[in-house]
Protein backbone atom coordinates (compact mmCIF):
# COMPACT_ATOMS: atom_id res chain seq x y z
CA MET A 1 120.80 55.43 94.30
CA ALA A 2 122.79 55.39 97.52
CA THR A 3 126.25 53.91 97.71
CA ALA A 4 126.17 50.37 99.01
CA PRO A 5 127.34 49.87 102.59
CA THR A 6 130.88 49.04 103.53
CA THR A 7 131.28 45.47 104.66
CA GLY A 8 133.81 42.89 105.59
CA SER A 9 134.55 39.43 104.24
CA ALA A 10 132.05 36.66 103.70
CA THR A 11 132.52 35.60 107.29
CA GLY A 12 131.58 39.07 108.48
CA SER A 13 135.05 39.92 109.86
CA GLY A 14 137.68 42.36 108.68
CA THR A 15 137.46 45.95 107.55
CA GLY A 16 136.36 45.41 103.95
CA SER A 17 135.60 48.12 101.39
CA THR A 18 132.57 49.66 99.76
CA ALA A 19 130.75 46.94 97.86
CA ALA A 20 128.78 47.13 94.65
CA ALA A 21 125.02 47.57 94.90
CA GLY A 22 124.37 44.06 93.68
CA PRO A 23 126.19 40.79 93.07
CA VAL A 24 127.92 40.07 89.79
CA ALA A 25 125.97 37.51 87.78
CA ARG A 26 127.61 34.12 87.28
CA ALA A 27 126.70 31.32 84.94
CA THR A 28 125.50 28.50 87.18
CA ARG A 29 124.17 24.98 86.87
CA PRO A 30 120.58 24.25 88.03
CA SER A 31 121.96 22.50 91.12
CA ALA A 32 124.04 25.56 91.93
CA ASP A 33 120.99 27.78 91.47
CA ALA A 34 119.06 25.62 93.95
CA THR A 35 121.91 25.88 96.44
CA ARG A 36 122.01 29.64 95.98
CA GLN A 37 118.27 29.89 96.68
CA ARG A 38 118.63 27.83 99.88
CA ILE A 39 121.40 30.16 101.03
CA LEU A 40 119.28 33.23 100.26
CA ALA A 41 116.27 31.84 102.12
CA ALA A 42 118.38 31.01 105.18
CA ALA A 43 120.09 34.40 105.03
CA LEU A 44 116.78 36.23 104.86
CA ASP A 45 115.49 34.46 107.97
CA LEU A 46 118.67 35.02 109.99
CA PHE A 47 119.18 38.63 108.95
CA ALA A 48 115.56 39.30 109.90
CA ASP A 49 115.85 37.53 113.25
CA ARG A 50 119.37 38.49 114.33
CA SER A 51 120.22 41.60 112.27
CA TYR A 52 123.11 41.99 109.86
CA ASP A 53 125.73 42.02 112.59
CA GLY A 54 124.17 39.16 114.52
CA ALA A 55 123.92 36.73 111.59
CA SER A 56 127.18 35.06 110.61
CA THR A 57 127.68 33.37 107.28
CA ARG A 58 128.65 30.24 109.23
CA ASP A 59 125.19 30.18 110.82
CA ILE A 60 123.59 30.89 107.45
CA ALA A 61 125.47 27.98 105.89
CA GLN A 62 124.32 25.70 108.70
CA ARG A 63 120.69 26.84 108.33
CA ALA A 64 120.85 26.30 104.57
CA GLY A 65 122.43 22.87 104.95
CA VAL A 66 125.49 23.81 102.88
CA SER A 67 129.19 24.22 103.56
CA GLN A 68 130.83 27.55 104.36
CA PRO A 69 132.87 27.41 101.10
CA SER A 70 129.58 27.06 99.21
CA VAL A 71 128.37 30.36 100.69
CA ASN A 72 131.69 31.97 99.79
CA TYR A 73 131.42 30.65 96.24
CA HIS A 74 128.00 32.18 95.62
CA PHE A 75 128.51 35.40 97.60
CA ARG A 76 131.92 37.03 97.94
CA THR A 77 131.02 39.03 101.07
CA LYS A 78 128.34 39.00 103.73
CA HIS A 79 127.17 42.34 102.42
CA GLU A 80 126.70 40.91 98.93
CA LEU A 81 124.60 38.14 100.47
CA TRP A 82 122.54 40.65 102.48
CA CYS A 83 121.90 42.77 99.37
CA ALA A 84 120.86 39.74 97.33
CA ALA A 85 118.50 38.51 100.05
CA VAL A 86 116.89 41.94 100.46
CA ASP A 87 116.67 42.46 96.69
CA GLY A 88 114.88 39.14 96.33
CA LEU A 89 112.36 39.96 99.04
CA PHE A 90 111.51 43.36 97.60
CA ALA A 91 111.35 41.90 94.08
CA GLU A 92 108.60 39.57 95.30
CA LEU A 93 106.73 42.49 96.88
CA ASP A 94 107.12 44.60 93.77
CA GLU A 95 105.89 41.79 91.54
CA GLU A 96 102.79 41.20 93.64
CA MET A 97 101.96 44.89 94.03
CA ARG A 98 102.42 45.58 90.32
CA ALA A 99 100.27 42.61 89.42
CA ARG A 100 97.54 43.99 91.68
CA LEU A 101 97.91 47.51 90.22
CA ASP A 102 97.71 46.16 86.66
CA GLY A 103 94.39 44.59 87.56
CA LEU A 104 93.05 47.89 88.95
CA ARG A 105 93.44 50.12 85.92
CA GLY A 106 90.47 52.42 85.62
CA VAL A 107 89.34 51.74 89.20
CA ASP A 108 88.81 54.77 91.44
CA ASP A 109 91.42 55.78 94.00
CA VAL A 110 89.48 54.59 97.05
CA ILE A 111 89.05 51.03 95.83
CA ARG A 112 92.64 50.98 94.57
CA ALA A 113 93.93 52.12 97.95
CA GLU A 114 91.87 49.61 99.90
CA LEU A 115 92.94 46.70 97.70
CA MET A 116 96.59 47.77 97.78
CA VAL A 117 96.47 47.89 101.58
CA ARG A 118 95.03 44.38 101.62
CA GLU A 119 97.74 43.17 99.24
CA PHE A 120 100.44 44.70 101.43
CA ILE A 121 99.02 43.07 104.56
CA ALA A 122 98.76 39.67 102.89
CA PHE A 123 102.38 39.94 101.76
CA SER A 124 103.48 41.04 105.24
CA ALA A 125 101.79 38.00 106.76
CA ALA A 126 103.52 35.67 104.31
CA HIS A 127 106.87 37.47 104.61
CA PRO A 128 107.31 38.97 108.10
CA GLN A 129 111.05 39.22 107.34
CA LEU A 130 110.29 42.39 105.35
CA HIS A 131 109.28 44.50 108.33
CA ARG A 132 111.84 42.85 110.60
CA ILE A 133 114.73 43.77 108.30
CA ILE A 134 113.48 47.34 107.84
CA THR A 135 113.14 47.67 111.61
CA GLN A 136 116.56 46.15 112.26
CA GLU A 137 118.31 48.52 109.87
CA SER A 138 116.30 51.61 110.86
CA LYS A 139 117.36 51.44 114.51
CA THR A 140 120.49 53.46 113.67
CA ASP A 141 121.68 55.70 110.86
CA GLY A 142 124.01 53.86 108.53
CA GLU A 143 124.91 52.99 104.98
CA ARG A 144 122.68 49.92 104.87
CA VAL A 145 119.56 51.88 105.75
CA ASP A 146 120.56 54.50 103.15
CA TRP A 147 120.82 51.76 100.54
CA LEU A 148 117.59 50.13 101.68
CA VAL A 149 115.61 53.39 101.55
CA GLU A 150 116.93 54.65 98.23
CA ARG A 151 116.85 51.33 96.41
CA HIS A 152 113.59 49.89 97.71
CA VAL A 153 111.56 51.82 100.27
CA ARG A 154 111.42 55.27 98.68
CA PRO A 155 109.68 54.12 95.46
CA LEU A 156 107.02 52.37 97.55
CA TYR A 157 106.66 55.40 99.81
CA GLU A 158 106.28 57.82 96.90
CA MET A 159 103.64 55.65 95.26
CA THR A 160 101.70 55.36 98.53
CA ALA A 161 102.14 59.02 99.46
CA GLY A 162 100.82 60.20 96.10
CA LEU A 163 97.70 58.06 96.47
CA PHE A 164 97.17 59.13 100.09
CA GLU A 165 97.54 62.81 99.19
CA ARG A 166 94.73 62.52 96.67
CA LEU A 167 92.53 60.73 99.20
CA VAL A 168 93.15 63.40 101.84
CA GLU A 169 92.12 66.05 99.31
CA GLN A 170 88.96 64.04 98.54
CA GLY A 171 88.11 63.74 102.23
CA VAL A 172 88.46 59.97 102.19
CA LEU A 173 91.39 60.03 104.60
CA PRO A 174 91.62 62.38 107.60
CA ASP A 175 93.59 65.60 107.19
CA VAL A 176 96.73 64.15 108.71
CA PRO A 177 100.26 64.59 107.33
CA VAL A 178 100.85 61.93 104.72
CA PRO A 179 104.05 60.61 106.35
CA ILE A 180 102.02 59.88 109.49
CA LEU A 181 99.37 58.04 107.46
CA TYR A 182 102.13 56.04 105.79
CA TYR A 183 103.59 54.97 109.13
CA ILE A 184 100.16 54.14 110.49
CA LEU A 185 99.86 51.71 107.59
CA THR A 186 103.37 50.28 107.83
CA GLY A 187 103.09 50.03 111.61
CA ALA A 188 99.57 48.67 111.97
CA GLY A 189 99.83 46.42 108.93
CA PRO A 190 102.83 44.14 109.59
CA THR A 191 103.41 44.40 113.35
CA ILE A 192 101.01 41.67 114.44
CA PHE A 193 102.79 39.22 112.10
CA VAL A 194 106.25 40.27 113.24
CA LEU A 195 105.12 39.73 116.84
CA ALA A 196 103.26 36.50 116.13
CA PRO A 197 105.03 34.53 118.91
CA GLU A 198 103.96 37.16 121.45
CA CYS A 199 100.43 37.31 120.03
CA ARG A 200 99.98 33.55 120.40
CA ARG A 201 101.02 33.72 124.05
CA LEU A 202 99.34 37.00 124.94
CA ALA A 203 96.04 36.86 123.07
CA GLY A 204 95.77 33.12 122.56
CA PHE A 205 95.34 33.13 118.80
CA ASP A 206 97.55 32.70 115.76
CA PRO A 207 97.61 35.88 113.62
CA LEU A 208 99.02 33.94 110.67
CA THR A 209 95.94 31.82 109.98
CA PRO A 210 94.08 32.85 106.80
CA GLU A 211 91.07 33.91 108.88
CA ALA A 212 93.20 36.11 111.16
CA VAL A 213 95.02 37.72 108.23
CA GLN A 214 91.67 38.55 106.62
CA ALA A 215 90.29 39.97 109.87
CA HIS A 216 93.40 42.06 110.36
CA ALA A 217 93.21 43.42 106.81
CA ASP A 218 89.56 44.34 107.39
CA ALA A 219 90.49 46.16 110.60
CA VAL A 220 93.35 48.16 109.02
CA VAL A 221 91.21 49.14 106.03
CA ASN A 222 88.48 50.29 108.40
CA LEU A 223 91.02 52.15 110.52
CA LEU A 224 92.29 54.09 107.53
CA PHE A 225 89.20 54.50 105.39
CA GLY A 226 86.38 54.32 107.95
CA TYR A 227 86.93 58.05 108.50
CA ARG A 228 84.58 58.87 105.65
């Protein structure tokens, strides 16, 4: 696992030092847990919209409806807050994907792949922050993208790449390098949801309606697997 990025204080200023990969657990009351979840939800939205550097803990506190000291109590640094928010998002994705995989035991690779793509697209529609944060951090080389890739993205990539390799060998997918197929999926799948405000203005429809999400999933599945 990669070393966690170097960060400053909870307000995002100062030089800071290399932080641990995850926050230290604290015994908390239910009310404190609810406050922590509000902070995490606000942080996820602002980190996705403004990037790590653009989101201050003061703004996060305001979005969450809590005081700045409350943020500092739950998360010692802005980096610790970022890690916790990202961990929570990927934990949701992992839980949903594993639940889908558990229900597909014994199913052939083609059906598994199609249903996993649909699950990924549905999650991306419900959580556009996922692709936004990956895009924000992947704009430049840095310790946060190292941490993000090694802790979360690589396991998903390796699972997908292994399945795609088998499908290329079976002639189900075109004979294209697997990394390119992976980025076709991760580009075509979430982008319309990330750019939903533009889509509403440009094309005149809301890509986040259930009907639009279903139509988009159908289109991506056909794009990838219609080759056969």
